[in-house]
PDB file of N, CA and C in Angstrom:
ATOM      1  N   UNK A   1      10.440   1.562   2.968  1.00  0.00           N
ATOM      2  CA  UNK A   1       9.925  -0.208   3.074  1.00  0.00           C
ATOM      3  C   UNK A   1       9.458   0.148   1.123  1.00  0.00           C
ATOM      4  N   UNK A   2      10.174  -1.326   0.459  1.00  0.00           N
ATOM      5  CA  UNK A   2       9.369  -1.193  -0.999  1.00  0.00           C
ATOM      6  C   UNK A   2       8.700  -2.502  -1.017  1.00  0.00           C
ATOM      7  N   UNK A   3       7.594  -2.142  -1.735  1.00  0.00           N
ATOM      8  CA  UNK A   3       6.753  -3.234  -1.817  1.00  0.00           C
ATOM      9  C   UNK A   3       6.569  -3.622  -3.219  1.00  0.00           C
ATOM     10  N   UNK A   4       6.457  -5.345  -3.763  1.00  0.00           N
ATOM     11  CA  UNK A   4       6.297  -5.282  -4.814  1.00  0.00           C
ATOM     12  C   UNK A   4       4.955  -6.143  -5.380  1.00  0.00           C
ATOM     13  N   UNK A   5       4.401  -6.344  -6.472  1.00  0.00           N
ATOM     14  CA  UNK A   5       3.207  -6.371  -7.058  1.00  0.00           C
ATOM     15  C   UNK A   5       2.726  -7.868  -7.541  1.00  0.00           C
ATOM     16  N   UNK A   6       2.488  -8.752  -6.746  1.00  0.00           N
ATOM     17  CA  UNK A   6       2.373 -10.183  -7.177  1.00  0.00           C
ATOM     18  C   UNK A   6       1.064 -10.575  -6.660  1.00  0.00           C
ATOM     19  N   UNK A   7       0.254 -11.056  -8.133  1.00  0.00           N
ATOM     20  CA  UNK A   7      -1.188 -12.200  -8.435  1.00  0.00           C
ATOM     21  C   UNK A   7      -2.190 -10.810  -7.098  1.00  0.00           C
ATOM     22  N   UNK A   8      -2.115  -9.371  -7.974  1.00  0.00           N
ATOM     23  CA  UNK A   8      -3.325  -8.737  -7.275  1.00  0.00           C
ATOM     24  C   UNK A   8      -2.727  -8.080  -5.743  1.00  0.00           C
ATOM     25  N   UNK A   9      -2.140  -8.401  -5.333  1.00  0.00           N
ATOM     26  CA  UNK A   9      -1.321  -8.310  -3.720  1.00  0.00           C
ATOM     27  C   UNK A   9      -0.166  -7.202  -3.780  1.00  0.00           C
ATOM     28  N   UNK A  10      -0.116  -6.719  -2.989  1.00  0.00           N
ATOM     29  CA  UNK A  10       1.130  -5.397  -2.824  1.00  0.00           C
ATOM     30  C   UNK A  10       2.156  -6.417  -1.271  1.00  0.00           C
ATOM     31  N   UNK A  11       3.441  -7.358  -1.976  1.00  0.00           N
ATOM     32  CA  UNK A  11       4.223  -7.751  -1.262  1.00  0.00           C
ATOM     33  C   UNK A  11       5.175  -6.993  -0.653  1.00  0.00           C
ATOM     34  N   UNK A  12       5.071  -6.616   0.631  1.00  0.00           N
ATOM     35  CA  UNK A  12       6.114  -6.043   1.664  1.00  0.00           C
ATOM     36  C   UNK A  12       7.564  -7.055   1.235  1.00  0.00           C
ATOM     37  N   UNK A  13       9.079  -6.131   0.847  1.00  0.00           N
ATOM     38  CA  UNK A  13       9.795  -6.412   1.100  1.00  0.00           C
ATOM     39  C   UNK A  13      10.935  -5.457   1.672  1.00  0.00           C
ATOM     40  N   UNK A  14      11.426  -6.300   3.199  1.00  0.00           N
ATOM     41  CA  UNK A  14      12.006  -4.955   4.148  1.00  0.00           C
ATOM     42  C   UNK A  14      13.392  -4.699   3.493  1.00  0.00           C
ATOM     43  N   UNK A  15      13.381  -3.440   4.159  1.00  0.00           N
ATOM     44  CA  UNK A  15      15.026  -3.124   3.806  1.00  0.00           C
ATOM     45  C   UNK A  15      15.555  -2.826   5.443  1.00  0.00           C
ATOM     46  N   UNK A  16      16.838  -2.001   5.180  1.00  0.00           N
ATOM     47  CA  UNK A  16      17.069  -2.311   6.763  1.00  0.00           C
ATOM     48  C   UNK A  16      16.673  -1.066   7.183  1.00  0.00           C
ATOM     49  N   UNK A  17      16.760  -1.211   8.650  1.00  0.00           N
ATOM     50  CA  UNK A  17      15.859   0.234   9.335  1.00  0.00           C
ATOM     51  C   UNK A  17      14.809   0.050  10.406  1.00  0.00           C
ATOM     52  N   UNK A  18      14.028   0.514  10.731  1.00  0.00           N
ATOM     53  CA  UNK A  18      13.010   0.029  11.364  1.00  0.00           C
ATOM     54  C   UNK A  18      12.570  -1.571  11.315  1.00  0.00           C
ATOM     55  N   UNK A  19      12.202  -2.388  12.459  1.00  0.00           N
ATOM     56  CA  UNK A  19      11.484  -3.286  11.906  1.00  0.00           C
ATOM     57  C   UNK A  19       9.950  -2.978  11.509  1.00  0.00           C
ATOM     58  N   UNK A  20       9.407  -3.987  10.337  1.00  0.00           N
ATOM     59  CA  UNK A  20       8.311  -3.502   9.654  1.00  0.00           C
ATOM     60  C   UNK A  20       7.161  -4.543  10.311  1.00  0.00           C
ATOM     61  N   UNK A  21       5.966  -4.374  10.410  1.00  0.00           N
ATOM     62  CA  UNK A  21       5.351  -5.654  10.345  1.00  0.00           C
ATOM     63  C   UNK A  21       5.500  -6.883  10.141  1.00  0.00           C
ATOM     64  N   UNK A  22       5.533  -7.483  10.737  1.00  0.00           N
ATOM     65  CA  UNK A  22       5.430  -9.388   9.944  1.00  0.00           C
ATOM     66  C   UNK A  22       4.308  -9.300  10.087  1.00  0.00           C
ATOM     67  N   UNK A  23       3.372  -9.394  10.334  1.00  0.00           N
ATOM     68  CA  UNK A  23       1.698 -10.084  10.155  1.00  0.00           C
ATOM     69  C   UNK A  23       1.098  -9.680   8.912  1.00  0.00           C
ATOM     70  N   UNK A  24       1.566  -8.501   8.257  1.00  0.00           N
ATOM     71  CA  UNK A  24       1.212  -8.021   7.274  1.00  0.00           C
ATOM     72  C   UNK A  24       2.040  -8.058   5.996  1.00  0.00           C
ATOM     73  N   UNK A  25       2.280  -8.588   5.706  1.00  0.00           N
ATOM     74  CA  UNK A  25       3.691  -9.319   4.608  1.00  0.00           C
ATOM     75  C   UNK A  25       2.905  -8.974   3.383  1.00  0.00           C
ATOM     76  N   UNK A  26       1.632  -9.070   3.180  1.00  0.00           N
ATOM     77  CA  UNK A  26       1.016  -9.270   1.466  1.00  0.00           C
ATOM     78  C   UNK A  26      -0.688  -8.147   2.359  1.00  0.00           C
ATOM     79  N   UNK A  27      -0.540  -7.357   1.833  1.00  0.00           N
ATOM     80  CA  UNK A  27      -1.336  -6.605   1.498  1.00  0.00           C
ATOM     81  C   UNK A  27      -2.015  -6.265   0.325  1.00  0.00           C
ATOM     82  N   UNK A  28      -3.706  -6.560   0.301  1.00  0.00           N
ATOM     83  CA  UNK A  28      -4.633  -6.570  -1.130  1.00  0.00           C
ATOM     84  C   UNK A  28      -4.594  -4.784  -1.932  1.00  0.00           C
ATOM     85  N   UNK A  29      -4.684  -5.062  -3.648  1.00  0.00           N
ATOM     86  CA  UNK A  29      -4.230  -3.396  -3.615  1.00  0.00           C
ATOM     87  C   UNK A  29      -5.735  -3.468  -3.387  1.00  0.00           C
ATOM     88  N   UNK A  30      -5.593  -2.154  -3.167  1.00  0.00           N
ATOM     89  CA  UNK A  30      -7.055  -1.147  -2.934  1.00  0.00           C
ATOM     90  C   UNK A  30      -7.167  -1.566  -1.424  1.00  0.00           C
ATOM     91  N   UNK A  31      -6.267  -1.607  -0.541  1.00  0.00           N
ATOM     92  CA  UNK A  31      -6.483  -1.899   1.037  1.00  0.00           C
ATOM     93  C   UNK A  31      -5.902  -1.067   1.577  1.00  0.00           C
ATOM     94  N   UNK A  32      -6.167   0.080   2.394  1.00  0.00           N
ATOM     95  CA  UNK A  32      -5.161   0.717   2.943  1.00  0.00           C
ATOM     96  C   UNK A  32      -4.332   1.586   2.144  1.00  0.00           C
ATOM     97  N   UNK A  33      -3.327   2.243   2.571  1.00  0.00           N
ATOM     98  CA  UNK A  33      -2.201   3.749   2.098  1.00  0.00           C
ATOM     99  C   UNK A  33      -1.847   3.061   0.544  1.00  0.00           C
ATOM    100  N   UNK A  34      -1.322   1.843   1.133  1.00  0.00           N
ATOM    101  CA  UNK A  34       0.040   1.514   0.147  1.00  0.00           C
ATOM    102  C   UNK A  34      -0.618   0.692  -1.077  1.00  0.00           C
ATOM    103  N   UNK A  35      -2.123  -0.408  -0.589  1.00  0.00           N
ATOM    104  CA  UNK A  35      -3.441  -0.942  -1.564  1.00  0.00           C
ATOM    105  C   UNK A  35      -3.898   0.374  -2.053  1.00  0.00           C
ATOM    106  N   UNK A  36      -3.809   1.188  -1.732  1.00  0.00           N
ATOM    107  CA  UNK A  36      -4.783   2.271  -2.415  1.00  0.00           C
ATOM    108  C   UNK A  36      -4.005   3.275  -3.542  1.00  0.00           C
ATOM    109  N   UNK A  37      -2.703   2.998  -3.259  1.00  0.00           N
ATOM    110  CA  UNK A  37      -1.599   3.497  -4.103  1.00  0.00           C
ATOM    111  C   UNK A  37      -1.705   3.050  -5.564  1.00  0.00           C
ATOM    112  N   UNK A  38      -1.583   1.620  -4.948  1.00  0.00           N
ATOM    113  CA  UNK A  38      -0.962   0.540  -6.027  1.00  0.00           C
ATOM    114  C   UNK A  38      -2.644   0.395  -6.901  1.00  0.00           C
ATOM    115  N   UNK A  39      -3.539   0.510  -6.369  1.00  0.00           N
ATOM    116  CA  UNK A  39      -5.205   0.569  -7.060  1.00  0.00           C
ATOM    117  C   UNK A  39      -5.060   1.237  -8.250  1.00  0.00           C
ATOM    118  N   UNK A  40      -4.989   2.900  -7.210  1.00  0.00           N
ATOM    119  CA  UNK A  40      -4.850   4.312  -7.945  1.00  0.00           C
ATOM    120  C   UNK A  40      -4.257   4.518  -9.168  1.00  0.00           C
ATOM    121  N   UNK A  41      -3.213   4.122  -8.698  1.00  0.00           N
ATOM    122  CA  UNK A  41      -1.611   4.557  -9.652  1.00  0.00           C
ATOM    123  C   UNK A  41      -1.085   5.838  -9.644  1.00  0.00           C
ATOM    124  N   UNK A  42      -2.257   6.389  -8.106  1.00  0.00           N
ATOM    125  CA  UNK A  42      -1.581   7.783  -7.578  1.00  0.00           C
ATOM    126  C   UNK A  42      -0.935   8.103  -5.920  1.00  0.00           C
ATOM    127  N   UNK A  43       0.541   9.150  -6.181  1.00  0.00           N
ATOM    128  CA  UNK A  43       0.758   9.158  -4.768  1.00  0.00           C
ATOM    129  C   UNK A  43      -0.368   9.082  -3.753  1.00  0.00           C
ATOM    130  N   UNK A  44      -0.189   8.824  -2.953  1.00  0.00           N
ATOM    131  CA  UNK A  44      -1.117   9.148  -1.382  1.00  0.00           C
ATOM    132  C   UNK A  44      -0.160   9.592  -0.720  1.00  0.00           C
ATOM    133  N   UNK A  45      -0.191  11.135  -0.281  1.00  0.00           N
ATOM    134  CA  UNK A  45      -0.035  11.671   0.755  1.00  0.00           C
ATOM    135  C   UNK A  45      -0.611  12.134   1.835  1.00  0.00           C
ATOM    136  N   UNK A  46      -0.189  11.393   2.895  1.00  0.00           N
ATOM    137  CA  UNK A  46      -1.550  11.305   4.467  1.00  0.00           C
ATOM    138  C   UNK A  46      -0.834  11.623   4.990  1.00  0.00           C
ATOM    139  N   UNK A  47      -1.558  12.859   5.923  1.00  0.00           N
ATOM    140  CA  UNK A  47      -0.949  13.781   6.843  1.00  0.00           C
ATOM    141  C   UNK A  47      -1.690  13.131   8.091  1.00  0.00           C
ATOM    142  N   UNK A  48      -2.435  12.403   8.749  1.00  0.00           N
ATOM    143  CA  UNK A  48      -2.602  11.448   9.771  1.00  0.00           C
ATOM    144  C   UNK A  48      -2.696  10.103   9.101  1.00  0.00           C
ATOM    145  N   UNK A  49      -2.173   9.537   9.376  1.00  0.00           N
ATOM    146  CA  UNK A  49      -2.372   7.899   9.189  1.00  0.00           C
ATOM    147  C   UNK A  49      -3.767   6.969   9.478  1.00  0.00           C
ATOM    148  N   UNK A  50      -4.210   7.473  10.864  1.00  0.00           N
ATOM    149  CA  UNK A  50      -5.548   7.386  11.804  1.00  0.00           C
ATOM    150  C   UNK A  50      -6.806   7.578  11.164  1.00  0.00           C
ATOM    151  N   UNK A  51      -6.656   9.163  10.682  1.00  0.00           N
ATOM    152  CA  UNK A  51      -7.981   9.410   9.970  1.00  0.00           C
ATOM    153  C   UNK A  51      -8.137   8.797   8.540  1.00  0.00           C
ATOM    154  N   UNK A  52      -6.725   7.692   7.560  1.00  0.00           N
ATOM    155  CA  UNK A  52      -7.010   7.242   6.551  1.00  0.00           C
ATOM    156  C   UNK A  52      -8.175   6.411   7.045  1.00  0.00           C
ATOM    157  N   UNK A  53      -9.156   5.689   5.580  1.00  0.00           N
ATOM    158  CA  UNK A  53     -10.139   4.579   5.859  1.00  0.00           C
ATOM    159  C   UNK A  53      -9.534   3.302   5.355  1.00  0.00           C
ATOM    160  N   UNK A  54      -9.534   2.375   6.011  1.00  0.00           N
ATOM    161  CA  UNK A  54      -8.870   1.325   5.852  1.00  0.00           C
ATOM    162  C   UNK A  54      -7.315   1.288   6.187  1.00  0.00           C
ATOM    163  N   UNK A  55      -6.787   2.464   7.411  1.00  0.00           N
ATOM    164  CA  UNK A  55      -5.173   2.124   7.139  1.00  0.00           C
ATOM    165  C   UNK A  55      -4.864   1.011   8.198  1.00  0.00           C
ATOM    166  N   UNK A  56      -4.120   0.300   7.519  1.00  0.00           N
ATOM    167  CA  UNK A  56      -3.341  -0.729   8.189  1.00  0.00           C
ATOM    168  C   UNK A  56      -1.897  -0.247   8.753  1.00  0.00           C
ATOM    169  N   UNK A  57      -2.028  -0.579  10.092  1.00  0.00           N
ATOM    170  CA  UNK A  57      -1.114   0.111  11.313  1.00  0.00           C
ATOM    171  C   UNK A  57       0.252  -0.857  11.251  1.00  0.00           C
ATOM    172  N   UNK A  58       0.978  -0.621  10.620  1.00  0.00           N
ATOM    173  CA  UNK A  58       2.132  -1.677  10.766  1.00  0.00           C
ATOM    174  C   UNK A  58       2.840  -1.053  11.201  1.00  0.00           C
ATOM    175  N   UNK A  59       3.241   0.109  11.638  1.00  0.00           N
ATOM    176  CA  UNK A  59       4.169   0.568  13.090  1.00  0.00           C
ATOM    177  C   UNK A  59       3.065   1.909  14.178  1.00  0.00           C
ATOM    178  N   UNK A  60       3.040   1.307  15.108  1.00  0.00           N
ATOM    179  CA  UNK A  60       2.143   1.959  15.898  1.00  0.00           C
ATOM    180  C   UNK A  60       2.792   3.674  15.805  1.00  0.00           C
ATOM    181  N   UNK A  61       3.967   3.709  15.790  1.00  0.00           N
ATOM    182  CA  UNK A  61       4.718   5.298  16.132  1.00  0.00           C
ATOM    183  C   UNK A  61       4.119   5.750  14.353  1.00  0.00           C
ATOM    184  N   UNK A  62       3.542   5.334  13.747  1.00  0.00           N
ATOM    185  CA  UNK A  62       3.664   5.763  12.148  1.00  0.00           C
ATOM    186  C   UNK A  62       2.567   7.234  12.701  1.00  0.00           C
ATOM    187  N   UNK A  63       2.847   8.212  11.306  1.00  0.00           N
ATOM    188  CA  UNK A  63       1.425   9.258  12.090  1.00  0.00           C
ATOM    189  C   UNK A  63       1.251   9.743  10.584  1.00  0.00           C
ATOM    190  N   UNK A  64       2.181   9.538   9.820  1.00  0.00           N
ATOM    191  CA  UNK A  64       2.221  10.277   8.485  1.00  0.00           C
ATOM    192  C   UNK A  64       2.267   9.486   7.579  1.00  0.00           C
ATOM    193  N   UNK A  65       2.372   9.742   6.080  1.00  0.00           N
ATOM    194  CA  UNK A  65       2.956   8.178   5.012  1.00  0.00           C
ATOM    195  C   UNK A  65       3.257   8.993   4.063  1.00  0.00           C
ATOM    196  N   UNK A  66       3.809   8.442   2.789  1.00  0.00           N
ATOM    197  CA  UNK A  66       3.726   8.952   1.456  1.00  0.00           C
ATOM    198  C   UNK A  66       4.212   7.592   0.583  1.00  0.00           C
ATOM    199  N   UNK A  67       3.296   7.411  -0.342  1.00  0.00           N
ATOM    200  CA  UNK A  67       3.197   6.192  -0.471  1.00  0.00           C
ATOM    201  C   UNK A  67       3.455   6.210  -2.336  1.00  0.00           C
ATOM    202  N   UNK A  68       4.459   6.203  -3.013  1.00  0.00           N
ATOM    203  CA  UNK A  68       4.338   6.348  -4.477  1.00  0.00           C
ATOM    204  C   UNK A  68       4.442   4.621  -5.094  1.00  0.00           C
ATOM    205  N   UNK A  69       3.647   4.937  -6.103  1.00  0.00           N
ATOM    206  CA  UNK A  69       3.176   3.843  -7.196  1.00  0.00           C
ATOM    207  C   UNK A  69       4.361   3.411  -8.009  1.00  0.00           C
ATOM    208  N   UNK A  70       4.985   2.285  -8.245  1.00  0.00           N
ATOM    209  CA  UNK A  70       6.362   2.445  -8.850  1.00  0.00           C
ATOM    210  C   UNK A  70       5.280   1.305 -10.214  1.00  0.00           C
ATOM    211  N   UNK A  71       5.313   2.025 -11.278  1.00  0.00           N
ATOM    212  CA  UNK A  71       4.188   2.231 -12.384  1.00  0.00           C
ATOM    213  C   UNK A  71       5.135   1.885 -14.435  1.00  0.00           C
ATOM    214  N   UNK A  72       4.946   0.900 -14.687  1.00  0.00           N
ATOM    215  CA  UNK A  72       5.688   0.558 -15.514  1.00  0.00           C
ATOM    216  C   UNK A  72       4.695  -0.064 -16.767  1.00  0.00           C
ATOM    217  N   UNK A  73       4.208   0.732 -18.310  1.00  0.00           N
ATOM    218  CA  UNK A  73       3.474   0.351 -19.332  1.00  0.00           C
ATOM    219  C   UNK A  73       1.765   0.027 -18.436  1.00  0.00           C
ATOM    220  N   UNK A  74       1.816   0.868 -17.643  1.00  0.00           N
ATOM    221  CA  UNK A  74       0.549   0.450 -16.938  1.00  0.00           C
ATOM    222  C   UNK A  74       0.142  -0.425 -16.267  1.00  0.00           C
ATOM    223  N   UNK A  75       0.943  -1.162 -15.552  1.00  0.00           N
ATOM    224  CA  UNK A  75       1.316  -2.406 -14.588  1.00  0.00           C
ATOM    225  C   UNK A  75       2.129  -1.285 -13.578  1.00  0.00           C
ATOM    226  N   UNK A  76       1.173  -1.531 -12.444  1.00  0.00           N
ATOM    227  CA  UNK A  76       2.017  -1.453 -11.368  1.00  0.00           C
ATOM    228  C   UNK A  76       3.246  -2.373 -10.612  1.00  0.00           C
ATOM    229  N   UNK A  77       4.501  -1.971 -10.698  1.00  0.00           N
ATOM    230  CA  UNK A  77       5.520  -3.290  -9.844  1.00  0.00           C
ATOM    231  C   UNK A  77       5.885  -3.551  -8.195  1.00  0.00           C
ATOM    232  N   UNK A  78       5.646  -1.849  -8.017  1.00  0.00           N
ATOM    233  CA  UNK A  78       5.229  -1.974  -6.353  1.00  0.00           C
ATOM    234  C   UNK A  78       5.279  -0.787  -6.039  1.00  0.00           C
ATOM    235  N   UNK A  79       5.434  -0.300  -4.948  1.00  0.00           N
ATOM    236  CA  UNK A  79       5.096   1.241  -4.185  1.00  0.00           C
ATOM    237  C   UNK A  79       6.460   1.112  -3.784  1.00  0.00           C
ATOM    238  N   UNK A  80       6.558   2.731  -3.554  1.00  0.00           N
ATOM    239  CA  UNK A  80       7.597   3.511  -2.644  1.00  0.00           C
ATOM    240  C   UNK A  80       7.274   3.965  -0.830  1.00  0.00           C
ATOM    241  N   UNK A  81       7.014   3.367   0.108  1.00  0.00           N
ATOM    242  CA  UNK A  81       6.694   3.428   0.821  1.00  0.00           C
ATOM    243  C   UNK A  81       7.176   4.226   2.102  1.00  0.00           C
ATOM    244  N   UNK A  82       6.857   5.615   2.606  1.00  0.00           N
ATOM    245  CA  UNK A  82       7.446   6.459   3.189  1.00  0.00           C
ATOM    246  C   UNK A  82       6.757   6.139   4.962  1.00  0.00           C
ATOM    247  N   UNK A  83       6.935   6.206   5.763  1.00  0.00           N
ATOM    248  CA  UNK A  83       6.494   6.069   7.340  1.00  0.00           C
ATOM    249  C   UNK A  83       6.689   7.551   7.838  1.00  0.00           C
ATOM    250  N   UNK A  84       6.178   8.392   8.939  1.00  0.00           N
ATOM    251  CA  UNK A  84       7.372   8.960   9.763  1.00  0.00           C
ATOM    252  C   UNK A  84       5.949   9.262  10.846  1.00  0.00           C
ATOM    253  N   UNK A  85       6.830   9.354  12.174  1.00  0.00           N
ATOM    254  CA  UNK A  85       5.557   9.122  12.961  1.00  0.00           C
ATOM    255  C   UNK A  85       6.030  10.748  13.578  1.00  0.00           C
ATOM    256  N   UNK A  86       5.793  11.614  12.642  1.00  0.00           N
ATOM    257  CA  UNK A  86       5.488  13.350  12.821  1.00  0.00           C
ATOM    258  C   UNK A  86       4.263  13.059  11.825  1.00  0.00           C
ATOM    259  N   UNK A  87       3.381  13.963  12.382  1.00  0.00           N
ATOM    260  CA  UNK A  87       2.087  14.126  11.609  1.00  0.00           C
ATOM    261  C   UNK A  87       2.288  15.265  10.834  1.00  0.00           C
ATOM    262  N   UNK A  88       1.656  14.998   9.284  1.00  0.00           N
ATOM    263  CA  UNK A  88       2.049  15.445   8.282  1.00  0.00           C
ATOM    264  C   UNK A  88       3.592  16.260   7.918  1.00  0.00           C
ATOM    265  N   UNK A  89       4.119  15.409   8.119  1.00  0.00           N
ATOM    266  CA  UNK A  89       5.461  14.799   7.955  1.00  0.00           C
ATOM    267  C   UNK A  89       5.900  15.149   6.289  1.00  0.00           C
ATOM    268  N   UNK A  90       5.680  15.001   5.071  1.00  0.00           N
ATOM    269  CA  UNK A  90       6.180  15.450   3.821  1.00  0.00           C
ATOM    270  C   UNK A  90       4.613  15.904   3.455  1.00  0.00           C
ATOM    271  N   UNK A  91       5.105  16.884   2.512  1.00  0.00           N
ATOM    272  CA  UNK A  91       5.062  17.817   1.690  1.00  0.00           C
ATOM    273  C   UNK A  91       4.752  17.455   0.054  1.00  0.00           C
ATOM    274  N   UNK A  92       4.135  18.673  -0.577  1.00  0.00           N
ATOM    275  CA  UNK A  92       4.271  18.254  -2.088  1.00  0.00           C
ATOM    276  C   UNK A  92       5.798  18.094  -3.295  1.00  0.00           C
ATOM    277  N   UNK A  93       6.727  18.791  -2.083  1.00  0.00           N
ATOM    278  CA  UNK A  93       7.916  18.874  -2.735  1.00  0.00           C
ATOM    279  C   UNK A  93       8.381  17.760  -2.138  1.00  0.00           C
ATOM    280  N   UNK A  94       8.166  16.780  -0.917  1.00  0.00           N
ATOM    281  CA  UNK A  94       8.717  15.399  -1.003  1.00  0.00           C
ATOM    282  C   UNK A  94       7.761  14.426  -1.973  1.00  0.00           C
ATOM    283  N   UNK A  95       7.031  14.585  -1.936  1.00  0.00           N
ATOM    284  CA  UNK A  95       6.075  13.690  -3.136  1.00  0.00           C
ATOM    285  C   UNK A  95       6.583  13.778  -4.422  1.00  0.00           C
ATOM    286  N   UNK A  96       6.731  15.592  -5.177  1.00  0.00           N
ATOM    287  CA  UNK A  96       7.275  15.057  -6.426  1.00  0.00           C
ATOM    288  C   UNK A  96       9.024  14.634  -6.231  1.00  0.00           C
ATOM    289  N   UNK A  97      10.058  14.718  -5.215  1.00  0.00           N
ATOM    290  CA  UNK A  97      10.709  14.247  -5.096  1.00  0.00           C
ATOM    291  C   UNK A  97      11.234  12.390  -5.066  1.00  0.00           C
ATOM    292  N   UNK A  98       9.605  12.312  -4.344  1.00  0.00           N
ATOM    293  CA  UNK A  98       9.517  10.543  -4.282  1.00  0.00           C
ATOM    294  C   UNK A  98       9.150  10.218  -5.562  1.00  0.00           C
ATOM    295  N   UNK A  99       7.875  10.864  -6.789  1.00  0.00           N
ATOM    296  CA  UNK A  99       8.068  10.605  -7.885  1.00  0.00           C
ATOM    297  C   UNK A  99       8.968  10.611  -8.637  1.00  0.00           C
ATOM    298  N   UNK A 100       9.988  11.627  -8.541  1.00  0.00           N
ATOM    299  CA  UNK A 100      10.907  11.291  -9.545  1.00  0.00           C
ATOM    300  C   UNK A 100      12.012  10.334  -9.499  1.00  0.00           C
ATOM    301  N   UNK A 101      11.604  10.002  -7.927  1.00  0.00           N
ATOM    302  CA  UNK A 101      12.752   8.985  -7.670  1.00  0.00           C
ATOM    303  C   UNK A 101      12.095   7.197  -7.798  1.00  0.00           C
ATOM    304  N   UNK A 102      10.955   7.533  -8.269  1.00  0.00           N
ATOM    305  CA  UNK A 102      10.236   6.490  -8.542  1.00  0.00           C
ATOM    306  C   UNK A 102      10.576   6.130 -10.002  1.00  0.00           C
ATOM    307  N   UNK A 103      10.515   7.266 -10.876  1.00  0.00           N
ATOM    308  CA  UNK A 103      10.489   7.153 -12.477  1.00  0.00           C
ATOM    309  C   UNK A 103      12.198   6.632 -12.882  1.00  0.00           C
ATOM    310  N   UNK A 104      12.906   6.925 -11.948  1.00  0.00           N
ATOM    311  CA  UNK A 104      14.497   6.624 -12.402  1.00  0.00           C
ATOM    312  C   UNK A 104      13.716   4.998 -11.455  1.00  0.00           C
ATOM    313  N   UNK A 105      13.956   5.016 -10.975  1.00  0.00           N
ATOM    314  CA  UNK A 105      14.219   3.457 -10.264  1.00  0.00           C
ATOM    315  C   UNK A 105      13.208   2.667 -11.584  1.00  0.00           C
ATOM    316  N   UNK A 106      11.907   3.116 -11.917  1.00  0.00           N
ATOM    317  CA  UNK A 106      11.083   2.391 -12.741  1.00  0.00           C
ATOM    318  C   UNK A 106      12.067   2.161 -14.259  1.00  0.00           C
ATOM    319  N   UNK A 107      12.574   2.898 -14.295  1.00  0.00           N
ATOM    320  CA  UNK A 107      13.100   2.989 -15.567  1.00  0.00           C
ATOM    321  C   UNK A 107      14.856   2.120 -15.696  1.00  0.00           C
ATOM    322  N   UNK A 108      14.660   1.709 -14.790  1.00  0.00           N
ATOM    323  CA  UNK A 108      15.976   0.656 -13.822  1.00  0.00           C
ATOM    324  C   UNK A 108      15.735  -0.790 -13.542  1.00  0.00           C
ATOM    325  N   UNK A 109      14.176  -0.847 -13.786  1.00  0.00           N
ATOM    326  CA  UNK A 109      13.947  -1.984 -12.812  1.00  0.00           C
ATOM    327  C   UNK A 109      13.607  -3.194 -13.896  1.00  0.00           C
TER     328      UNK A 109
END
């Protein structure tokens, strides 16, 4: 799922795949995993989303999450958000690969 930042909020942009949460279309920067990634401008790798303070459960089956902020010239353009029904699904190698992908995406936006 992709997210864009507009007016201090993270807006969800659906992509093909599993149904996403329609009730939480806009996430406040600093709230939840995506909002935390946007606020800190740091990748968030969460092994257990239920243990993450302020986690926003958009998919009841989600157990782990990897969120990489898309930052250009200090501005957050959005976030790259991956969810998994498997706890601790994402490792440092996954994070590094997604950060490389994010850098490529930002260079082309």
